[in-house]
Protein backbone atom coordinates (compact mmCIF):
# COMPACT_ATOMS: atom_id res chain seq x y z
CA MET A 1 -68.19 3.11 44.85
CA ALA A 2 -64.54 4.22 44.84
CA GLY A 3 -61.86 2.02 43.39
CA HIS A 4 -58.79 0.71 45.21
CA ASP A 5 -56.03 3.30 45.05
CA SER A 6 -52.49 1.95 45.18
CA GLU A 7 -51.10 5.25 46.51
CA SER A 8 -53.37 5.23 49.56
CA SER A 9 -52.57 1.59 50.29
CA LYS A 10 -48.83 2.40 50.29
CA GLY A 11 -49.47 5.24 52.72
CA LYS A 12 -51.51 2.99 55.00
CA ALA A 13 -48.86 0.29 54.92
CA LYS A 14 -46.21 2.84 55.86
CA GLU A 15 -48.38 4.11 58.74
CA ASP A 16 -48.89 0.55 60.02
CA LEU A 17 -45.14 0.00 60.16
CA ASP A 18 -44.49 3.07 62.33
CA VAL A 19 -43.40 1.50 65.60
CA PRO A 20 -42.16 3.69 68.44
CA ILE A 21 -38.46 3.22 69.03
CA PHE A 22 -37.08 3.72 72.54
CA SER A 23 -33.46 4.33 73.44
CA ALA A 24 -32.42 2.28 76.46
CA GLU A 25 -29.94 4.95 77.57
CA ASN A 26 -32.55 7.70 77.42
CA MET A 27 -35.12 5.66 79.31
CA GLN A 28 -32.54 4.81 81.97
CA SER A 29 -31.65 8.49 82.26
CA ASN A 30 -35.34 9.35 82.62
CA MET A 31 -35.72 6.80 85.41
CA LYS A 32 -32.71 8.28 87.22
CA ILE A 33 -34.36 11.68 87.06
CA ILE A 34 -37.50 10.23 88.64
CA TYR A 35 -35.52 8.65 91.49
CA TYR A 36 -33.50 11.82 92.10
CA SER A 37 -36.64 13.97 92.06
CA ARG A 38 -38.48 11.71 94.49
CA THR A 39 -35.48 11.48 96.82
CA PHE A 40 -34.99 15.23 96.82
CA MET A 41 -38.68 15.92 97.45
CA SER A 42 -38.70 13.27 100.21
CA ILE A 43 -35.79 14.98 101.96
CA ILE A 44 -37.39 18.42 101.67
CA GLY A 45 -40.75 17.03 102.81
CA GLY A 46 -39.14 15.28 105.79
CA VAL A 47 -37.43 18.48 106.90
CA VAL A 48 -40.68 20.44 106.52
CA ALA A 49 -42.62 17.81 108.49
CA GLY A 50 -40.00 17.89 111.25
CA ILE A 51 -39.92 21.68 111.47
CA LEU A 52 -43.72 21.84 111.54
CA GLY A 53 -43.66 19.31 114.37
CA LEU A 54 -45.91 16.80 112.64
CA THR A 55 -46.21 13.45 114.37
CA GLY A 56 -47.83 10.15 113.52
CA LEU A 57 -50.29 9.87 110.68
CA SER A 58 -50.19 13.56 109.77
CA GLY A 59 -46.53 13.26 108.78
CA PHE A 60 -47.22 10.28 106.54
CA ILE A 61 -50.17 12.09 104.96
CA LEU A 62 -47.78 14.95 104.12
CA TYR A 63 -45.46 12.43 102.47
CA PHE A 64 -48.24 11.03 100.29
CA VAL A 65 -49.37 14.54 99.32
CA ILE A 66 -45.80 15.48 98.38
CA MET A 67 -45.39 12.31 96.30
CA ALA A 68 -48.71 12.96 94.53
CA ILE A 69 -47.61 16.50 93.69
CA THR A 70 -44.24 15.19 92.50
CA SER A 71 -45.96 12.65 90.24
CA VAL A 72 -48.21 15.31 88.74
CA CYS A 73 -45.22 17.59 88.15
CA LEU A 74 -43.26 14.80 86.47
CA VAL A 75 -46.19 13.98 84.20
CA ALA A 76 -46.60 17.67 83.38
CA LYS A 77 -42.86 17.87 82.59
CA THR A 78 -43.38 15.20 79.92
CA GLY A 79 -46.17 17.25 78.38
CA PHE A 80 -48.68 14.61 79.49
CA SER A 81 -47.25 12.18 76.92
CA VAL A 82 -45.68 9.76 79.37
CA ASN A 83 -45.44 6.91 76.87
CA SER A 84 -42.94 8.94 74.83
CA TYR A 85 -40.44 8.99 77.70
CA PHE A 86 -41.27 5.94 79.84
CA GLY A 87 -42.56 2.41 79.35
CA SER A 88 -45.77 2.97 81.32
CA TRP A 89 -47.62 5.33 83.63
CA SER A 90 -46.80 3.23 86.66
CA GLN A 91 -43.10 4.02 86.26
CA VAL A 92 -43.78 7.72 86.72
CA VAL A 93 -46.38 7.37 89.45
CA LEU A 94 -45.03 4.54 91.62
CA ASP A 95 -41.30 3.99 91.05
CA GLY A 96 -39.12 5.22 93.90
CA PHE A 97 -42.08 5.56 96.23
CA LEU A 98 -40.78 3.37 99.09
CA GLY A 99 -37.16 4.45 98.76
CA GLY A 100 -38.34 8.01 99.16
CA LEU A 101 -40.31 7.02 102.24
CA MET A 102 -37.15 5.92 104.02
CA SER A 103 -35.43 9.23 103.23
CA PHE A 104 -38.53 11.11 104.36
CA VAL A 105 -38.64 9.35 107.73
CA LEU A 106 -34.90 9.83 108.27
CA PHE A 107 -35.00 13.57 107.68
CA TRP A 108 -38.37 13.94 109.41
CA THR A 109 -37.02 12.50 112.66
CA PHE A 110 -33.75 14.40 112.32
CA ALA A 111 -35.45 17.78 111.79
CA TYR A 112 -38.03 17.02 114.49
CA ASP A 113 -35.29 16.26 117.05
CA ILE A 114 -33.34 19.40 116.18
CA HIS A 115 -36.51 21.49 116.26
CA ILE A 116 -37.41 20.33 119.80
CA PHE A 117 -34.01 21.26 121.26
């Protein structure tokens, strides 16, 4: 049986004390990027839905598809290590979802009305 090695116990103690440190400014900047990305993609999606002449449920399905693609792209941008840049996965996947919906509907109806005339 191996004896207790003081060098390995120091290494283990040092590893146990490694706590991830987050910068509040960097996390706030990351959240702004999420909101800007979702708003931009909502506007583009709304214009596309209006030009394509989508109505009713099909337009909302397009919105959810666009938001799913945006979430996947944001997670890929982090290198699939979301916890290094954000507090949790839900921040990347869900934050800004409803605010983007309002922008989507606004530009969807605007582009749809212009497309008809």
